[in-house]
Amino acid sequence: GEEADLARFGDSIFAALFKGKTPEQAQAALQRLLKKVENHLFELNGRSAQATLSIGVAGLDEKTAKAQDVMNRAHRCADDAARKGGSQIKQYNPAEELAAAAQRG
């Protein structure tokens, strides 16, 4: 499968670093992960439970000033995916963010 470095950033926040991959190239692996979690039932106290993932994707390149900026962008995208019901991937789009900032004034 796809190789990535994984890290836990908080109670329910994880990061995956796909070295040498663009966000678009990482999408296939993330989509497979999303489906695996979506199709898995967990047993909790004798009851079945289903988990969802809300995945935010942002790329790190020579134009990115700080790695923390990338993490913040991915986190905002994941939050947006969660607000829209979860079980989805949202990729950072700078044009979308500029339009939202312009609407806020």
N, C-alpha and C. Protein backbone atom coordinates (compact mmCIF):
# COMPACT_ATOMS: atom_id res chain seq x y z
N GLY A 1 0.80 -1.19 0.00
CA GLY A 1 0.00 0.00 0.00
C GLY A 1 0.84 1.25 0.00
N GLU A 2 0.20 2.33 0.25
CA GLU A 2 0.79 3.66 0.29
C GLU A 2 1.56 3.81 1.60
N GLU A 3 2.74 4.41 1.57
CA GLU A 3 3.50 4.64 2.80
C GLU A 3 3.34 6.08 3.23
N ALA A 4 3.10 6.25 4.54
CA ALA A 4 2.95 7.59 5.10
C ALA A 4 3.45 7.55 6.54
N ASP A 5 3.97 8.67 7.01
CA ASP A 5 4.32 8.82 8.41
C ASP A 5 3.07 9.32 9.12
N LEU A 6 2.71 8.64 10.22
CA LEU A 6 1.51 9.01 10.97
C LEU A 6 1.88 9.60 12.31
N ALA A 7 1.09 10.56 12.77
CA ALA A 7 1.29 11.18 14.07
C ALA A 7 -0.07 11.53 14.66
N ARG A 8 -0.17 11.42 15.98
CA ARG A 8 -1.38 11.83 16.68
C ARG A 8 -1.18 13.25 17.17
N PHE A 9 -2.10 14.14 16.84
CA PHE A 9 -2.00 15.55 17.22
C PHE A 9 -2.96 15.95 18.33
N GLY A 10 -3.92 15.13 18.63
CA GLY A 10 -4.90 15.43 19.68
C GLY A 10 -5.77 14.22 19.89
N ASP A 11 -6.80 14.38 20.73
CA ASP A 11 -7.68 13.26 21.05
C ASP A 11 -8.22 12.58 19.81
N SER A 12 -8.66 13.35 18.86
CA SER A 12 -9.25 12.76 17.65
C SER A 12 -8.65 13.35 16.38
N ILE A 13 -7.41 13.83 16.49
CA ILE A 13 -6.75 14.45 15.35
C ILE A 13 -5.46 13.69 15.04
N PHE A 14 -5.37 13.23 13.80
CA PHE A 14 -4.18 12.52 13.33
C PHE A 14 -3.66 13.21 12.08
N ALA A 15 -2.37 13.08 11.85
CA ALA A 15 -1.76 13.64 10.64
C ALA A 15 -1.03 12.53 9.90
N ALA A 16 -1.09 12.58 8.59
CA ALA A 16 -0.34 11.65 7.74
C ALA A 16 0.51 12.47 6.79
N LEU A 17 1.79 12.15 6.73
CA LEU A 17 2.70 12.84 5.82
C LEU A 17 3.07 11.88 4.70
N PHE A 18 2.66 12.22 3.50
CA PHE A 18 2.99 11.43 2.31
C PHE A 18 4.18 12.12 1.64
N LYS A 19 5.37 11.63 1.90
CA LYS A 19 6.59 12.25 1.35
C LYS A 19 6.66 12.05 -0.15
N GLY A 20 6.95 13.15 -0.86
CA GLY A 20 7.11 13.08 -2.30
C GLY A 20 5.81 12.94 -3.07
N LYS A 21 4.68 13.14 -2.39
CA LYS A 21 3.36 13.03 -3.04
C LYS A 21 2.67 14.39 -2.99
N THR A 22 1.95 14.69 -4.05
CA THR A 22 1.10 15.88 -4.03
C THR A 22 -0.18 15.52 -3.30
N PRO A 23 -0.95 16.51 -2.85
CA PRO A 23 -2.24 16.20 -2.23
C PRO A 23 -3.11 15.34 -3.13
N GLU A 24 -3.07 15.62 -4.42
CA GLU A 24 -3.89 14.84 -5.37
C GLU A 24 -3.44 13.37 -5.40
N GLN A 25 -2.13 13.14 -5.33
CA GLN A 25 -1.60 11.78 -5.34
C GLN A 25 -1.94 11.03 -4.05
N ALA A 26 -2.06 11.74 -2.94
CA ALA A 26 -2.39 11.11 -1.66
C ALA A 26 -3.88 10.77 -1.56
N GLN A 27 -4.69 11.39 -2.38
CA GLN A 27 -6.15 11.21 -2.31
C GLN A 27 -6.59 9.75 -2.42
N ALA A 28 -5.97 8.96 -3.30
CA ALA A 28 -6.38 7.57 -3.49
C ALA A 28 -6.19 6.77 -2.20
N ALA A 29 -5.04 6.93 -1.55
CA ALA A 29 -4.79 6.22 -0.29
C ALA A 29 -5.75 6.69 0.79
N LEU A 30 -6.01 7.98 0.85
CA LEU A 30 -6.94 8.51 1.85
C LEU A 30 -8.36 8.03 1.59
N GLN A 31 -8.74 7.92 0.34
CA GLN A 31 -10.08 7.43 -0.01
C GLN A 31 -10.23 5.97 0.43
N ARG A 32 -9.18 5.16 0.25
CA ARG A 32 -9.22 3.76 0.70
C ARG A 32 -9.36 3.69 2.21
N LEU A 33 -8.62 4.53 2.93
CA LEU A 33 -8.72 4.57 4.39
C LEU A 33 -10.13 4.97 4.82
N LEU A 34 -10.68 5.97 4.19
CA LEU A 34 -12.03 6.44 4.49
C LEU A 34 -13.04 5.30 4.34
N LYS A 35 -12.95 4.56 3.25
CA LYS A 35 -13.88 3.44 3.00
C LYS A 35 -13.70 2.32 4.01
N LYS A 36 -12.44 2.01 4.38
CA LYS A 36 -12.20 0.95 5.36
C LYS A 36 -12.86 1.28 6.69
N VAL A 37 -12.69 2.51 7.14
CA VAL A 37 -13.28 2.92 8.42
C VAL A 37 -14.80 2.94 8.31
N GLU A 38 -15.30 3.47 7.21
CA GLU A 38 -16.74 3.57 6.97
C GLU A 38 -17.41 2.19 6.97
N ASN A 39 -16.73 1.18 6.44
CA ASN A 39 -17.30 -0.16 6.31
C ASN A 39 -17.03 -1.07 7.50
N HIS A 40 -16.38 -0.56 8.55
CA HIS A 40 -16.04 -1.37 9.71
C HIS A 40 -17.01 -1.07 10.87
N LEU A 41 -17.59 -2.12 11.43
CA LEU A 41 -18.44 -1.97 12.61
C LEU A 41 -17.62 -2.32 13.85
N PHE A 42 -17.70 -1.48 14.86
CA PHE A 42 -17.01 -1.71 16.12
C PHE A 42 -18.02 -2.21 17.14
N GLU A 43 -17.57 -3.06 18.06
CA GLU A 43 -18.43 -3.52 19.15
C GLU A 43 -18.07 -2.74 20.41
N LEU A 44 -19.05 -2.06 20.98
CA LEU A 44 -18.87 -1.31 22.22
C LEU A 44 -19.98 -1.68 23.19
N ASN A 45 -19.61 -2.30 24.30
CA ASN A 45 -20.60 -2.69 25.31
C ASN A 45 -21.75 -3.48 24.71
N GLY A 46 -21.43 -4.41 23.83
CA GLY A 46 -22.46 -5.26 23.24
C GLY A 46 -23.27 -4.60 22.13
N ARG A 47 -22.90 -3.42 21.74
CA ARG A 47 -23.62 -2.72 20.67
C ARG A 47 -22.66 -2.44 19.52
N SER A 48 -23.23 -2.38 18.34
CA SER A 48 -22.43 -2.05 17.16
C SER A 48 -22.34 -0.53 17.00
N ALA A 49 -21.17 -0.07 16.62
CA ALA A 49 -20.96 1.36 16.38
C ALA A 49 -20.16 1.51 15.10
N GLN A 50 -20.40 2.60 14.43
CA GLN A 50 -19.69 2.89 13.19
C GLN A 50 -18.99 4.23 13.33
N ALA A 51 -17.74 4.29 12.91
CA ALA A 51 -16.97 5.53 12.98
C ALA A 51 -16.97 6.21 11.61
N THR A 52 -16.70 7.49 11.62
CA THR A 52 -16.54 8.23 10.37
C THR A 52 -15.22 8.99 10.44
N LEU A 53 -14.73 9.37 9.30
CA LEU A 53 -13.53 10.20 9.22
C LEU A 53 -13.87 11.49 8.48
N SER A 54 -13.28 12.55 8.94
CA SER A 54 -13.35 13.83 8.23
C SER A 54 -11.90 14.19 7.95
N ILE A 55 -11.51 14.13 6.70
CA ILE A 55 -10.10 14.28 6.32
C ILE A 55 -9.88 15.61 5.62
N GLY A 56 -8.91 16.36 6.13
CA GLY A 56 -8.48 17.60 5.49
C GLY A 56 -7.11 17.38 4.87
N VAL A 57 -6.93 17.87 3.66
CA VAL A 57 -5.69 17.66 2.92
C VAL A 57 -5.10 19.01 2.52
N ALA A 58 -3.81 19.18 2.80
CA ALA A 58 -3.10 20.39 2.38
C ALA A 58 -1.67 20.00 2.03
N GLY A 59 -1.12 20.66 1.04
CA GLY A 59 0.23 20.34 0.59
C GLY A 59 1.29 21.26 1.18
N LEU A 60 2.49 20.71 1.30
CA LEU A 60 3.65 21.47 1.76
C LEU A 60 4.62 21.56 0.58
N ASP A 61 4.95 22.79 0.20
CA ASP A 61 5.89 22.97 -0.90
C ASP A 61 6.79 24.17 -0.61
N GLU A 62 7.61 24.54 -1.58
CA GLU A 62 8.57 25.63 -1.37
C GLU A 62 7.90 26.98 -1.15
N LYS A 63 6.62 27.11 -1.50
CA LYS A 63 5.91 28.38 -1.31
C LYS A 63 5.27 28.49 0.08
N THR A 64 5.28 27.40 0.82
CA THR A 64 4.67 27.39 2.15
C THR A 64 5.70 27.87 3.17
N ALA A 65 5.36 28.92 3.90
CA ALA A 65 6.30 29.51 4.85
C ALA A 65 6.60 28.58 6.03
N LYS A 66 5.56 27.96 6.59
CA LYS A 66 5.74 27.14 7.79
C LYS A 66 4.90 25.87 7.70
N ALA A 67 5.45 24.81 8.27
CA ALA A 67 4.70 23.54 8.33
C ALA A 67 3.40 23.73 9.11
N GLN A 68 3.42 24.60 10.13
CA GLN A 68 2.22 24.83 10.94
C GLN A 68 1.09 25.40 10.08
N ASP A 69 1.43 26.20 9.07
CA ASP A 69 0.41 26.72 8.15
C ASP A 69 -0.30 25.58 7.44
N VAL A 70 0.46 24.58 7.02
CA VAL A 70 -0.12 23.42 6.34
C VAL A 70 -1.04 22.66 7.30
N MET A 71 -0.59 22.47 8.54
CA MET A 71 -1.41 21.76 9.53
C MET A 71 -2.71 22.53 9.78
N ASN A 72 -2.61 23.84 9.90
CA ASN A 72 -3.81 24.65 10.13
C ASN A 72 -4.78 24.56 8.96
N ARG A 73 -4.26 24.58 7.75
CA ARG A 73 -5.12 24.47 6.56
C ARG A 73 -5.82 23.11 6.52
N ALA A 74 -5.06 22.05 6.76
CA ALA A 74 -5.64 20.71 6.76
C ALA A 74 -6.69 20.57 7.85
N HIS A 75 -6.41 21.16 9.02
CA HIS A 75 -7.37 21.09 10.14
C HIS A 75 -8.66 21.83 9.79
N ARG A 76 -8.55 23.01 9.19
CA ARG A 76 -9.75 23.75 8.78
C ARG A 76 -10.56 22.94 7.76
N CYS A 77 -9.88 22.29 6.84
CA CYS A 77 -10.57 21.46 5.84
C CYS A 77 -11.27 20.28 6.50
N ALA A 78 -10.61 19.65 7.47
CA ALA A 78 -11.22 18.52 8.18
C ALA A 78 -12.44 18.98 8.96
N ASP A 79 -12.34 20.14 9.61
CA ASP A 79 -13.49 20.69 10.33
C ASP A 79 -14.65 20.95 9.38
N ASP A 80 -14.35 21.48 8.21
CA ASP A 80 -15.39 21.74 7.20
C ASP A 80 -16.03 20.43 6.75
N ALA A 81 -15.22 19.40 6.53
CA ALA A 81 -15.74 18.09 6.14
C ALA A 81 -16.64 17.52 7.23
N ALA A 82 -16.26 17.70 8.50
CA ALA A 82 -17.07 17.22 9.62
C ALA A 82 -18.40 17.96 9.68
N ARG A 83 -18.37 19.29 9.49
CA ARG A 83 -19.61 20.08 9.51
C ARG A 83 -20.56 19.64 8.41
N LYS A 84 -20.02 19.13 7.33
CA LYS A 84 -20.84 18.68 6.20
C LYS A 84 -21.25 17.22 6.33
N GLY A 85 -21.09 16.65 7.52
CA GLY A 85 -21.56 15.29 7.76
C GLY A 85 -20.50 14.23 7.91
N GLY A 86 -19.24 14.56 7.70
CA GLY A 86 -18.16 13.58 7.85
C GLY A 86 -18.12 12.59 6.72
N SER A 87 -17.27 11.58 6.89
CA SER A 87 -17.05 10.55 5.86
C SER A 87 -16.72 11.17 4.51
N GLN A 88 -15.84 12.16 4.54
CA GLN A 88 -15.43 12.79 3.28
C GLN A 88 -14.05 13.41 3.41
N ILE A 89 -13.48 13.71 2.27
CA ILE A 89 -12.17 14.34 2.18
C ILE A 89 -12.34 15.73 1.59
N LYS A 90 -11.72 16.72 2.23
CA LYS A 90 -11.74 18.08 1.68
C LYS A 90 -10.30 18.53 1.50
N GLN A 91 -9.98 18.95 0.30
CA GLN A 91 -8.63 19.43 0.00
C GLN A 91 -8.59 20.94 0.08
N TYR A 92 -7.51 21.46 0.66
CA TYR A 92 -7.31 22.90 0.77
C TYR A 92 -7.27 23.53 -0.61
N ASN A 93 -8.02 24.61 -0.75
CA ASN A 93 -8.07 25.36 -2.00
C ASN A 93 -7.85 26.83 -1.66
N PRO A 94 -6.69 27.41 -1.99
CA PRO A 94 -6.43 28.80 -1.61
C PRO A 94 -7.46 29.78 -2.16
N ALA A 95 -7.99 29.53 -3.35
CA ALA A 95 -8.98 30.43 -3.93
C ALA A 95 -10.26 30.45 -3.09
N GLU A 96 -10.65 29.27 -2.59
CA GLU A 96 -11.83 29.17 -1.72
C GLU A 96 -11.63 29.97 -0.44
N GLU A 97 -10.44 29.85 0.14
CA GLU A 97 -10.14 30.56 1.38
C GLU A 97 -10.12 32.07 1.16
N LEU A 98 -9.58 32.53 0.04
CA LEU A 98 -9.58 33.97 -0.27
C LEU A 98 -11.00 34.49 -0.45
N ALA A 99 -11.84 33.72 -1.13
CA ALA A 99 -13.24 34.12 -1.34
C ALA A 99 -13.98 34.22 -0.01
N ALA A 100 -13.75 33.27 0.88
CA ALA A 100 -14.40 33.28 2.20
C ALA A 100 -13.93 34.49 3.01
N ALA A 101 -12.63 34.81 2.94
CA ALA A 101 -12.10 35.97 3.65
C ALA A 101 -12.69 37.26 3.09
N ALA A 102 -12.86 37.33 1.79
CA ALA A 102 -13.45 38.52 1.15
C ALA A 102 -14.90 38.71 1.58
N GLN A 103 -15.64 37.60 1.73
CA GLN A 103 -17.04 37.69 2.16
C GLN A 103 -17.13 38.18 3.60
N ARG A 104 -16.15 37.77 4.43
CA ARG A 104 -16.15 38.21 5.83
C ARG A 104 -15.79 39.69 5.94
N GLY A 105 -15.12 40.22 4.93
CA GLY A 105 -14.76 41.63 4.91
C GLY A 105 -13.42 41.90 5.37
